[in-house]
Amino acid sequence: MAQLIVAGETVDLDPEGYLANLEDWSTAVAAALAEDEGLELTDEHWELIELIRRFYDEFDHSPAMRPLVKYISLHLGKEKGRSIYLMQQLPPNEKTGSPPKRLARIAGLPKPDNCL
């Protein structure tokens, strides 16, 4: 099992790099996961992290791209509720993939079911 060291504490990750225990998430863990992704978190990232965590609390699953975009549009407006905005904030990469997968990982949530 992969691990991440955050503030001297060991955090277990699953084979794909998502938290093994959702309860281990904190803002420090988010920052460490983002750093592992090559991202420095901005206010825009934190806004998205808070929103995807709210989505998870409300629907009990991590959203794929379309539901995430719709949810963002409802809560942050149409300008941010677009897939292009998510791609600008969290460009797809080889390590974790699509913006919803990257966002879910940093937010300490499970991998979205419909994301390959």
Protein backbone atom coordinates (compact mmCIF):
# COMPACT_ATOMS: atom_id res chain seq x y z
CA MET A 1 0.00 0.00 0.00
CA ALA A 2 1.31 3.42 -0.93
CA GLN A 3 1.69 6.05 1.74
CA LEU A 4 1.97 9.79 2.07
CA ILE A 5 3.72 11.54 4.95
CA VAL A 6 1.92 14.72 6.06
CA ALA A 7 3.14 16.71 9.06
CA GLY A 8 4.92 13.62 10.38
CA GLU A 9 1.83 11.43 10.08
CA THR A 10 1.52 8.50 7.67
CA VAL A 11 -1.55 8.49 5.43
CA ASP A 12 -2.38 5.27 3.55
CA LEU A 13 -3.28 5.46 -0.13
CA ASP A 14 -4.93 2.85 -2.33
CA PRO A 15 -3.07 1.53 -5.40
CA GLU A 16 -4.39 4.44 -7.51
CA GLY A 17 -3.28 7.11 -5.02
CA TYR A 18 -6.66 7.88 -3.43
CA LEU A 19 -7.04 7.93 0.35
CA ALA A 20 -7.51 4.45 1.78
CA ASN A 21 -9.49 6.01 4.67
CA LEU A 22 -11.62 9.03 3.85
CA GLU A 23 -11.38 10.15 7.49
CA ASP A 24 -7.65 10.85 6.97
CA TRP A 25 -8.42 13.90 4.81
CA SER A 26 -7.45 17.38 5.98
CA THR A 27 -6.41 20.57 4.25
CA ALA A 28 -2.78 19.56 4.83
CA VAL A 29 -3.44 16.18 3.17
CA ALA A 30 -5.13 18.00 0.27
CA ALA A 31 -2.07 20.22 -0.16
CA ALA A 32 0.24 17.17 -0.10
CA LEU A 33 -1.92 15.31 -2.65
CA ALA A 34 -2.00 18.40 -4.85
CA GLU A 35 1.78 18.70 -4.61
CA ASP A 36 2.02 15.04 -5.65
CA GLU A 37 -0.13 16.03 -8.65
CA GLY A 38 2.19 18.93 -9.45
CA LEU A 39 -0.37 21.54 -8.40
CA GLU A 40 -0.15 24.46 -6.04
CA LEU A 41 -3.65 25.01 -4.69
CA THR A 42 -5.22 28.39 -5.41
CA ASP A 43 -8.44 29.92 -4.09
CA GLU A 44 -10.18 28.55 -7.20
CA HIS A 45 -8.98 25.02 -6.37
CA TRP A 46 -10.17 25.30 -2.77
CA GLU A 47 -13.56 26.50 -4.00
CA LEU A 48 -13.81 23.38 -6.18
CA ILE A 49 -12.56 21.10 -3.40
CA GLU A 50 -15.20 22.43 -1.02
CA LEU A 51 -17.88 21.99 -3.66
CA ILE A 52 -16.99 18.41 -4.63
CA ARG A 53 -16.89 17.48 -0.94
CA ARG A 54 -20.37 19.00 -0.57
CA PHE A 55 -21.50 16.97 -3.61
CA TYR A 56 -20.15 13.81 -1.98
CA ASP A 57 -21.92 14.59 1.30
CA GLU A 58 -25.17 15.20 -0.56
CA PHE A 59 -25.11 12.27 -3.03
CA ASP A 60 -22.69 9.78 -1.38
CA HIS A 61 -20.50 9.36 -4.47
CA SER A 62 -17.85 11.27 -6.37
CA PRO A 63 -19.17 12.87 -9.56
CA ALA A 64 -17.98 12.25 -13.10
CA MET A 65 -17.50 15.25 -15.41
CA ARG A 66 -21.11 16.02 -16.41
CA PRO A 67 -22.69 15.90 -12.95
CA LEU A 68 -19.75 17.86 -11.54
CA VAL A 69 -20.05 20.57 -14.19
CA LYS A 70 -23.80 20.82 -13.58
CA TYR A 71 -23.29 21.04 -9.80
CA ILE A 72 -20.62 23.72 -10.20
CA SER A 73 -22.90 25.68 -12.52
CA LEU A 74 -25.71 25.55 -9.95
CA HIS A 75 -23.50 26.73 -7.09
CA LEU A 76 -20.80 28.89 -8.67
CA GLY A 77 -22.46 30.12 -11.84
CA LYS A 78 -22.35 29.26 -15.52
CA GLU A 79 -18.93 30.80 -16.11
CA LYS A 80 -17.29 28.27 -13.79
CA GLY A 81 -19.79 25.50 -14.53
CA ARG A 82 -18.08 24.47 -17.75
CA SER A 83 -15.77 21.58 -18.50
CA ILE A 84 -13.24 23.99 -20.02
CA TYR A 85 -12.98 25.79 -16.65
CA LEU A 86 -12.26 22.48 -14.90
CA MET A 87 -9.67 21.57 -17.54
CA GLN A 88 -7.96 24.93 -16.99
CA GLN A 89 -7.88 24.47 -13.22
CA LEU A 90 -7.01 20.75 -13.25
CA PRO A 91 -5.54 19.84 -16.63
CA PRO A 92 -5.74 16.10 -17.37
CA ASN A 93 -2.53 14.24 -16.68
CA GLU A 94 -1.13 10.74 -17.10
CA LYS A 95 -0.91 10.05 -13.37
CA THR A 96 -4.52 10.57 -12.31
CA GLY A 97 -6.35 11.52 -15.47
CA SER A 98 -9.40 13.72 -15.86
CA PRO A 99 -10.28 16.82 -13.82
CA PRO A 100 -13.00 15.03 -11.78
CA LYS A 101 -10.57 12.25 -10.86
CA ARG A 102 -7.85 14.71 -9.89
CA LEU A 103 -10.27 16.84 -7.89
CA ALA A 104 -11.76 13.82 -6.09
CA ARG A 105 -8.28 12.58 -5.18
CA ILE A 106 -7.17 15.95 -3.79
CA ALA A 107 -10.51 16.35 -1.96
CA GLY A 108 -9.96 12.99 -0.25
CA LEU A 109 -12.88 11.29 -1.98
CA PRO A 110 -13.15 7.96 -3.80
CA LYS A 111 -12.45 7.75 -7.51
CA PRO A 112 -15.57 8.62 -9.53
CA ASP A 113 -17.24 5.41 -10.74
CA ASN A 114 -17.75 6.40 -14.36
CA CYS A 115 -14.27 7.81 -14.92
CA LEU A 116 -11.92 5.43 -16.64
